Amino acid sequence: MKKSIVSFLSAALLLSSLSSVALAEQNAVSPQGLITPQADSGWQTKNKIRARVYTDANSYGPGANKIKITAEKSTAGAAYYQIYLMNSTQMVQVGSGTLGSSVTLDAAVSNIVPVNSQASIKVLLKIYAYGDWDTWLGDWETDSFTVVRIN
């Protein structure tokens, strides 16, 4: 009896660990494997630019001051980019520069989420032609996520 219970428990543990590995592989979305995106625009192609923008979580709890944002581009060549945080009434730029294949930044939420409040916000990635800020190529926008800021 003892032997069959031990065998059953061993089999259950083995299945559980294999399921966890399969689930981890299924959820590993980032090419670098470092961050599994939560609030994500998904890969989209606009004006021959394939890109996406995402955060490292889909909600940020009390005390959240910064969020990690990653913009990725899989097409060859460089482009200019701007990243904004937005809610229903405002947009705040949190980064800009040259985008090769990817860029990650920590964005302060203090200009869009007041202290002792919470807000539903999105991340907006704007891409422009390299060397020409006047040639806009497209926007990539995440789904909404919640930030709670109590400091």
N, C-alpha and C. Protein backbone atom coordinates (compact mmCIF):
# COMPACT_ATOMS: atom_id res chain seq x y z
N MET A 1 0.83 -1.19 0.00
CA MET A 1 0.00 0.00 0.00
C MET A 1 0.88 1.26 0.00
N LYS A 2 1.90 1.26 0.90
CA LYS A 2 2.80 2.41 0.98
C LYS A 2 3.50 2.64 -0.35
N LYS A 3 3.95 1.54 -0.96
CA LYS A 3 4.68 1.63 -2.22
C LYS A 3 3.81 2.21 -3.33
N SER A 4 2.56 1.84 -3.41
CA SER A 4 1.69 2.37 -4.46
C SER A 4 1.36 3.84 -4.24
N ILE A 5 1.25 4.28 -2.99
CA ILE A 5 1.00 5.70 -2.70
C ILE A 5 2.22 6.52 -3.10
N VAL A 6 3.41 6.02 -2.77
CA VAL A 6 4.65 6.72 -3.14
C VAL A 6 4.77 6.79 -4.66
N SER A 7 4.47 5.71 -5.35
CA SER A 7 4.52 5.71 -6.81
C SER A 7 3.53 6.71 -7.39
N PHE A 8 2.33 6.73 -6.85
CA PHE A 8 1.31 7.67 -7.32
C PHE A 8 1.75 9.12 -7.12
N LEU A 9 2.27 9.42 -5.92
CA LEU A 9 2.73 10.79 -5.64
C LEU A 9 3.91 11.16 -6.53
N SER A 10 4.83 10.23 -6.78
CA SER A 10 5.97 10.50 -7.67
C SER A 10 5.50 10.81 -9.08
N ALA A 11 4.54 10.04 -9.56
CA ALA A 11 3.99 10.28 -10.90
C ALA A 11 3.30 11.63 -10.97
N ALA A 12 2.55 11.98 -9.91
CA ALA A 12 1.86 13.28 -9.88
C ALA A 12 2.86 14.42 -9.89
N LEU A 13 3.94 14.29 -9.12
CA LEU A 13 4.97 15.33 -9.11
C LEU A 13 5.64 15.46 -10.48
N LEU A 14 5.93 14.35 -11.13
CA LEU A 14 6.55 14.38 -12.44
C LEU A 14 5.64 15.07 -13.45
N LEU A 15 4.36 14.71 -13.46
CA LEU A 15 3.41 15.36 -14.37
C LEU A 15 3.29 16.84 -14.10
N SER A 16 3.26 17.20 -12.82
CA SER A 16 3.15 18.60 -12.45
C SER A 16 4.35 19.40 -12.94
N SER A 17 5.56 18.84 -12.78
CA SER A 17 6.75 19.57 -13.22
C SER A 17 6.80 19.66 -14.74
N LEU A 18 6.39 18.62 -15.45
CA LEU A 18 6.36 18.68 -16.91
C LEU A 18 5.34 19.69 -17.39
N SER A 19 4.19 19.78 -16.73
CA SER A 19 3.18 20.76 -17.10
C SER A 19 3.70 22.17 -16.91
N SER A 20 4.46 22.39 -15.82
CA SER A 20 5.02 23.72 -15.56
C SER A 20 6.01 24.11 -16.64
N VAL A 21 6.84 23.16 -17.07
CA VAL A 21 7.81 23.44 -18.13
C VAL A 21 7.09 23.77 -19.42
N ALA A 22 6.09 22.99 -19.77
CA ALA A 22 5.33 23.24 -21.00
C ALA A 22 4.64 24.58 -20.95
N LEU A 23 4.07 24.92 -19.80
CA LEU A 23 3.39 26.21 -19.65
C LEU A 23 4.38 27.36 -19.76
N ALA A 24 5.56 27.21 -19.15
CA ALA A 24 6.58 28.26 -19.22
C ALA A 24 7.02 28.48 -20.66
N GLU A 25 7.20 27.39 -21.41
CA GLU A 25 7.60 27.52 -22.81
C GLU A 25 6.50 28.20 -23.63
N GLN A 26 5.25 27.88 -23.32
CA GLN A 26 4.12 28.46 -24.05
C GLN A 26 4.01 29.96 -23.78
N ASN A 27 4.34 30.40 -22.56
CA ASN A 27 4.19 31.80 -22.19
C ASN A 27 5.42 32.63 -22.47
N ALA A 28 6.54 32.04 -22.86
CA ALA A 28 7.76 32.79 -23.13
C ALA A 28 7.61 33.50 -24.47
N VAL A 29 7.15 34.75 -24.42
CA VAL A 29 6.83 35.49 -25.63
C VAL A 29 8.00 36.32 -26.11
N SER A 30 8.79 36.84 -25.19
CA SER A 30 9.89 37.72 -25.57
C SER A 30 11.02 36.93 -26.22
N PRO A 31 11.58 37.42 -27.35
CA PRO A 31 12.69 36.73 -27.98
C PRO A 31 13.89 36.58 -27.05
N GLN A 32 14.09 37.54 -26.17
CA GLN A 32 15.21 37.46 -25.24
C GLN A 32 14.90 36.50 -24.10
N GLY A 33 13.63 36.18 -23.86
CA GLY A 33 13.25 35.28 -22.79
C GLY A 33 13.38 35.90 -21.42
N LEU A 34 13.59 37.20 -21.33
CA LEU A 34 13.79 37.85 -20.04
C LEU A 34 12.49 38.33 -19.42
N ILE A 35 11.59 38.83 -20.22
CA ILE A 35 10.34 39.40 -19.72
C ILE A 35 9.18 38.78 -20.48
N THR A 36 8.20 38.28 -19.77
CA THR A 36 6.98 37.85 -20.42
C THR A 36 6.04 39.05 -20.40
N PRO A 37 5.75 39.62 -21.53
CA PRO A 37 4.95 40.84 -21.55
C PRO A 37 3.54 40.64 -21.03
N GLN A 38 2.99 41.67 -20.46
CA GLN A 38 1.63 41.63 -19.96
C GLN A 38 0.74 42.56 -20.77
N ALA A 39 0.87 43.87 -20.55
CA ALA A 39 0.15 44.83 -21.39
C ALA A 39 0.95 44.91 -22.68
N ASP A 40 0.36 44.49 -23.80
CA ASP A 40 1.12 44.27 -25.02
C ASP A 40 0.33 44.74 -26.23
N SER A 41 0.99 45.41 -27.15
CA SER A 41 0.32 45.81 -28.40
C SER A 41 0.22 44.63 -29.36
N GLY A 42 1.06 43.62 -29.16
CA GLY A 42 1.15 42.52 -30.11
C GLY A 42 1.96 42.97 -31.31
N TRP A 43 2.56 42.03 -32.01
CA TRP A 43 3.32 42.35 -33.22
C TRP A 43 2.36 42.83 -34.30
N GLN A 44 2.65 43.99 -34.86
CA GLN A 44 1.85 44.56 -35.94
C GLN A 44 2.79 45.17 -36.98
N THR A 45 2.40 45.10 -38.24
CA THR A 45 3.19 45.70 -39.32
C THR A 45 2.44 46.92 -39.84
N LYS A 46 3.14 48.06 -39.85
CA LYS A 46 2.58 49.31 -40.38
C LYS A 46 3.66 49.99 -41.20
N ASN A 47 3.34 50.35 -42.43
CA ASN A 47 4.30 50.98 -43.33
C ASN A 47 5.63 50.22 -43.38
N LYS A 48 5.52 48.90 -43.49
CA LYS A 48 6.66 48.00 -43.62
C LYS A 48 7.53 47.91 -42.36
N ILE A 49 7.01 48.40 -41.22
CA ILE A 49 7.71 48.30 -39.95
C ILE A 49 6.94 47.32 -39.07
N ARG A 50 7.60 46.23 -38.69
CA ARG A 50 6.99 45.25 -37.78
C ARG A 50 7.52 45.53 -36.39
N ALA A 51 6.60 45.86 -35.46
CA ALA A 51 7.02 46.27 -34.12
C ALA A 51 5.95 45.93 -33.09
N ARG A 52 6.32 46.11 -31.84
CA ARG A 52 5.39 45.99 -30.72
C ARG A 52 5.94 46.76 -29.55
N VAL A 53 5.07 47.02 -28.57
CA VAL A 53 5.45 47.65 -27.31
C VAL A 53 4.74 46.90 -26.20
N TYR A 54 5.44 46.71 -25.06
CA TYR A 54 4.82 46.00 -23.95
C TYR A 54 5.42 46.41 -22.62
N THR A 55 4.69 46.08 -21.55
CA THR A 55 5.16 46.32 -20.19
C THR A 55 5.49 44.98 -19.55
N ASP A 56 6.08 45.00 -18.36
CA ASP A 56 6.42 43.75 -17.69
C ASP A 56 5.33 43.27 -16.74
N ALA A 57 4.21 43.97 -16.66
CA ALA A 57 3.09 43.55 -15.81
C ALA A 57 1.81 44.15 -16.37
N ASN A 58 0.67 43.63 -15.92
CA ASN A 58 -0.60 44.21 -16.37
C ASN A 58 -1.26 45.02 -15.27
N SER A 59 -0.61 45.12 -14.11
CA SER A 59 -1.06 46.05 -13.07
C SER A 59 0.13 46.34 -12.17
N TYR A 60 0.11 47.51 -11.58
CA TYR A 60 1.17 47.93 -10.69
C TYR A 60 0.52 48.40 -9.41
N GLY A 61 0.88 47.79 -8.28
CA GLY A 61 0.21 48.01 -7.01
C GLY A 61 0.66 49.26 -6.29
N PRO A 62 0.17 49.41 -5.06
CA PRO A 62 0.50 50.59 -4.24
C PRO A 62 2.01 50.81 -4.17
N GLY A 63 2.40 52.05 -4.30
CA GLY A 63 3.81 52.38 -4.25
C GLY A 63 4.49 52.34 -5.61
N ALA A 64 3.75 52.01 -6.65
CA ALA A 64 4.36 51.96 -7.99
C ALA A 64 4.78 53.36 -8.42
N ASN A 65 6.05 53.51 -8.72
CA ASN A 65 6.57 54.79 -9.20
C ASN A 65 7.06 54.70 -10.64
N LYS A 66 7.45 53.51 -11.05
CA LYS A 66 7.97 53.31 -12.40
C LYS A 66 7.43 52.01 -12.98
N ILE A 67 7.33 52.00 -14.31
CA ILE A 67 6.98 50.77 -15.00
C ILE A 67 8.03 50.50 -16.07
N LYS A 68 8.29 49.23 -16.32
CA LYS A 68 9.28 48.85 -17.33
C LYS A 68 8.55 48.68 -18.66
N ILE A 69 9.04 49.39 -19.67
CA ILE A 69 8.44 49.36 -21.01
C ILE A 69 9.51 48.91 -22.00
N THR A 70 9.13 48.01 -22.90
CA THR A 70 10.03 47.56 -23.95
C THR A 70 9.37 47.79 -25.31
N ALA A 71 10.11 48.39 -26.23
CA ALA A 71 9.68 48.53 -27.62
C ALA A 71 10.61 47.66 -28.45
N GLU A 72 10.03 46.86 -29.34
CA GLU A 72 10.82 45.98 -30.20
C GLU A 72 10.43 46.20 -31.65
N LYS A 73 11.43 46.08 -32.52
CA LYS A 73 11.21 46.19 -33.96
C LYS A 73 11.97 45.05 -34.61
N SER A 74 11.28 44.27 -35.46
CA SER A 74 11.95 43.12 -36.08
C SER A 74 12.39 43.38 -37.51
N THR A 75 12.02 44.51 -38.08
CA THR A 75 12.47 44.82 -39.44
C THR A 75 13.86 45.44 -39.39
N ALA A 76 14.61 45.29 -40.47
CA ALA A 76 15.98 45.77 -40.52
C ALA A 76 16.04 47.29 -40.52
N GLY A 77 17.16 47.82 -40.06
CA GLY A 77 17.39 49.26 -40.08
C GLY A 77 16.90 49.94 -38.81
N ALA A 78 17.32 51.17 -38.65
CA ALA A 78 16.95 51.95 -37.49
C ALA A 78 15.74 52.83 -37.79
N ALA A 79 15.11 53.29 -36.74
CA ALA A 79 14.00 54.24 -36.84
C ALA A 79 14.03 55.12 -35.61
N TYR A 80 13.37 56.25 -35.67
CA TYR A 80 13.19 57.08 -34.49
C TYR A 80 11.92 56.62 -33.79
N TYR A 81 11.90 56.80 -32.46
CA TYR A 81 10.70 56.42 -31.70
C TYR A 81 10.40 57.44 -30.61
N GLN A 82 9.15 57.44 -30.19
CA GLN A 82 8.70 58.16 -29.00
C GLN A 82 7.78 57.21 -28.25
N ILE A 83 7.88 57.20 -26.92
CA ILE A 83 7.00 56.38 -26.08
C ILE A 83 6.26 57.31 -25.14
N TYR A 84 4.94 57.09 -25.06
CA TYR A 84 4.06 57.89 -24.22
C TYR A 84 3.28 57.00 -23.26
N LEU A 85 2.97 57.52 -22.08
CA LEU A 85 1.95 56.96 -21.21
C LEU A 85 0.71 57.81 -21.44
N MET A 86 -0.46 57.17 -21.54
CA MET A 86 -1.69 57.94 -21.74
C MET A 86 -2.83 57.39 -20.91
N ASN A 87 -3.69 58.31 -20.49
CA ASN A 87 -4.95 57.92 -19.87
C ASN A 87 -6.06 58.58 -20.69
N SER A 88 -7.24 58.67 -20.14
CA SER A 88 -8.37 59.20 -20.93
C SER A 88 -8.27 60.70 -21.21
N THR A 89 -7.40 61.41 -20.48
CA THR A 89 -7.35 62.86 -20.65
C THR A 89 -5.99 63.43 -21.05
N GLN A 90 -4.93 62.65 -20.96
CA GLN A 90 -3.61 63.21 -21.26
C GLN A 90 -2.63 62.17 -21.77
N MET A 91 -1.56 62.67 -22.41
CA MET A 91 -0.43 61.86 -22.88
C MET A 91 0.84 62.49 -22.33
N VAL A 92 1.73 61.65 -21.80
CA VAL A 92 3.00 62.13 -21.25
C VAL A 92 4.13 61.35 -21.92
N GLN A 93 5.04 62.07 -22.56
CA GLN A 93 6.17 61.40 -23.20
C GLN A 93 7.15 60.93 -22.14
N VAL A 94 7.58 59.65 -22.25
CA VAL A 94 8.51 59.08 -21.27
C VAL A 94 9.81 58.61 -21.91
N GLY A 95 9.91 58.68 -23.23
CA GLY A 95 11.15 58.28 -23.88
C GLY A 95 11.14 58.59 -25.36
N SER A 96 12.32 58.75 -25.93
CA SER A 96 12.47 58.94 -27.37
C SER A 96 13.92 58.69 -27.75
N GLY A 97 14.14 58.45 -29.04
CA GLY A 97 15.49 58.21 -29.50
C GLY A 97 15.50 57.36 -30.75
N THR A 98 16.57 56.60 -30.91
CA THR A 98 16.73 55.73 -32.07
C THR A 98 16.44 54.30 -31.65
N LEU A 99 15.62 53.62 -32.45
CA LEU A 99 15.24 52.23 -32.18
C LEU A 99 15.90 51.33 -33.23
N GLY A 100 16.81 50.48 -32.77
CA GLY A 100 17.40 49.48 -33.64
C GLY A 100 16.50 48.26 -33.62
N SER A 101 16.78 47.32 -32.71
CA SER A 101 15.91 46.16 -32.58
C SER A 101 15.04 46.24 -31.33
N SER A 102 15.57 46.78 -30.23
CA SER A 102 14.73 46.94 -29.03
C SER A 102 15.32 47.99 -28.09
N VAL A 103 14.45 48.51 -27.27
CA VAL A 103 14.85 49.46 -26.23
C VAL A 103 13.94 49.21 -25.03
N THR A 104 14.52 49.25 -23.83
CA THR A 104 13.76 49.08 -22.60
C THR A 104 14.03 50.28 -21.71
N LEU A 105 12.97 50.80 -21.10
CA LEU A 105 13.13 51.93 -20.21
C LEU A 105 12.23 51.80 -19.00
N ASP A 106 12.62 52.46 -17.92
CA ASP A 106 11.79 52.56 -16.72
C ASP A 106 11.11 53.91 -16.78
N ALA A 107 9.79 53.90 -16.90
CA ALA A 107 9.03 55.14 -17.06
C ALA A 107 8.40 55.55 -15.73
N ALA A 108 8.63 56.78 -15.32
CA ALA A 108 8.00 57.31 -14.12
C ALA A 108 6.52 57.55 -14.38
N VAL A 109 5.68 57.17 -13.44
CA VAL A 109 4.23 57.35 -13.61
C VAL A 109 3.72 58.60 -12.90
N SER A 110 4.62 59.34 -12.25
CA SER A 110 4.20 60.48 -11.43
C SER A 110 3.49 61.58 -12.21
N ASN A 111 3.77 61.75 -13.50
CA ASN A 111 3.13 62.81 -14.28
C ASN A 111 1.76 62.42 -14.82
N ILE A 112 1.37 61.16 -14.66
CA ILE A 112 0.08 60.74 -15.21
C ILE A 112 -0.82 60.12 -14.15
N VAL A 113 -0.24 59.65 -13.04
CA VAL A 113 -1.03 59.08 -11.94
C VAL A 113 -0.68 59.86 -10.68
N PRO A 114 -1.60 60.70 -10.20
CA PRO A 114 -1.31 61.48 -8.99
C PRO A 114 -1.13 60.58 -7.77
N VAL A 115 -0.42 61.11 -6.76
CA VAL A 115 -0.22 60.40 -5.51
C VAL A 115 -1.59 60.07 -4.89
N ASN A 116 -1.69 58.94 -4.24
CA ASN A 116 -2.90 58.46 -3.58
C ASN A 116 -4.08 58.32 -4.53
N SER A 117 -3.80 57.77 -5.70
CA SER A 117 -4.87 57.51 -6.66
C SER A 117 -4.49 56.31 -7.51
N GLN A 118 -5.42 55.91 -8.36
CA GLN A 118 -5.14 54.87 -9.33
C GLN A 118 -5.68 55.30 -10.67
N ALA A 119 -5.10 54.75 -11.72
CA ALA A 119 -5.52 55.13 -13.07
C ALA A 119 -5.35 53.95 -14.01
N SER A 120 -6.19 53.94 -15.01
CA SER A 120 -6.07 52.98 -16.10
C SER A 120 -5.31 53.69 -17.21
N ILE A 121 -4.15 53.15 -17.59
CA ILE A 121 -3.33 53.81 -18.59
C ILE A 121 -2.92 52.82 -19.69
N LYS A 122 -2.37 53.37 -20.77
CA LYS A 122 -1.85 52.59 -21.90
C LYS A 122 -0.48 53.13 -22.24
N VAL A 123 0.29 52.33 -22.98
CA VAL A 123 1.57 52.79 -23.52
C VAL A 123 1.39 52.94 -25.03
N LEU A 124 1.89 54.04 -25.56
CA LEU A 124 1.83 54.33 -26.99
C LEU A 124 3.25 54.44 -27.53
N LEU A 125 3.56 53.67 -28.57
CA LEU A 125 4.83 53.75 -29.28
C LEU A 125 4.57 54.40 -30.63
N LYS A 126 5.28 55.48 -30.92
CA LYS A 126 5.20 56.15 -32.22
C LYS A 126 6.54 55.94 -32.91
N ILE A 127 6.50 55.52 -34.17
CA ILE A 127 7.74 55.29 -34.92
C ILE A 127 7.78 56.23 -36.13
N TYR A 128 8.98 56.80 -36.35
CA TYR A 128 9.24 57.74 -37.44
C TYR A 128 10.40 57.22 -38.27
N ALA A 129 10.50 57.67 -39.49
CA ALA A 129 11.61 57.30 -40.37
C ALA A 129 12.92 57.77 -39.76
N TYR A 130 13.95 56.95 -39.87
CA TYR A 130 15.25 57.30 -39.35
C TYR A 130 15.78 58.54 -40.09
N GLY A 131 16.18 59.53 -39.33
CA GLY A 131 16.70 60.76 -39.92
C GLY A 131 15.63 61.77 -40.29
N ASP A 132 14.35 61.46 -40.02
CA ASP A 132 13.26 62.35 -40.43
C ASP A 132 12.08 62.25 -39.46
N TRP A 133 12.11 63.09 -38.43
CA TRP A 133 11.03 63.09 -37.44
C TRP A 133 9.69 63.50 -38.05
N ASP A 134 9.69 64.07 -39.23
CA ASP A 134 8.43 64.49 -39.87
C ASP A 134 7.73 63.34 -40.59
N THR A 135 8.41 62.22 -40.82
CA THR A 135 7.80 61.08 -41.51
C THR A 135 7.36 60.04 -40.49
N TRP A 136 6.11 60.16 -40.09
CA TRP A 136 5.51 59.24 -39.12
C TRP A 136 5.16 57.93 -39.82
N LEU A 137 5.54 56.80 -39.22
CA LEU A 137 5.32 55.50 -39.84
C LEU A 137 4.21 54.68 -39.17
N GLY A 138 3.86 55.02 -37.93
CA GLY A 138 2.77 54.29 -37.29
C GLY A 138 2.80 54.37 -35.78
N ASP A 139 1.67 53.94 -35.19
CA ASP A 139 1.50 53.89 -33.73
C ASP A 139 1.21 52.46 -33.31
N TRP A 140 1.79 52.06 -32.18
CA TRP A 140 1.52 50.77 -31.56
C TRP A 140 1.09 51.07 -30.13
N GLU A 141 -0.04 50.50 -29.70
CA GLU A 141 -0.63 50.84 -28.40
C GLU A 141 -0.95 49.57 -27.62
N THR A 142 -0.58 49.55 -26.34
CA THR A 142 -0.89 48.40 -25.49
C THR A 142 -2.36 48.44 -25.09
N ASP A 143 -2.82 47.33 -24.52
CA ASP A 143 -4.12 47.34 -23.88
C ASP A 143 -3.98 48.11 -22.56
N SER A 144 -5.09 48.43 -21.93
CA SER A 144 -5.08 49.20 -20.68
C SER A 144 -4.55 48.36 -19.53
N PHE A 145 -3.93 49.04 -18.57
CA PHE A 145 -3.52 48.40 -17.33
C PHE A 145 -3.65 49.41 -16.20
N THR A 146 -3.69 48.92 -14.97
CA THR A 146 -3.96 49.77 -13.81
C THR A 146 -2.69 50.05 -13.03
N VAL A 147 -2.53 51.31 -12.63
CA VAL A 147 -1.42 51.72 -11.76
C VAL A 147 -2.03 52.32 -10.51
N VAL A 148 -1.60 51.82 -9.34
CA VAL A 148 -2.02 52.37 -8.05
C VAL A 148 -0.82 53.05 -7.45
N ARG A 149 -0.96 54.32 -7.14
CA ARG A 149 0.18 55.10 -6.62
C ARG A 149 -0.17 55.68 -5.25
N ILE A 150 0.43 55.11 -4.23
CA ILE A 150 0.22 55.61 -2.86
C ILE A 150 1.59 55.80 -2.25
N ASN A 151 2.02 57.05 -2.07
CA ASN A 151 3.33 57.33 -1.49
C ASN A 151 3.20 58.41 -0.46
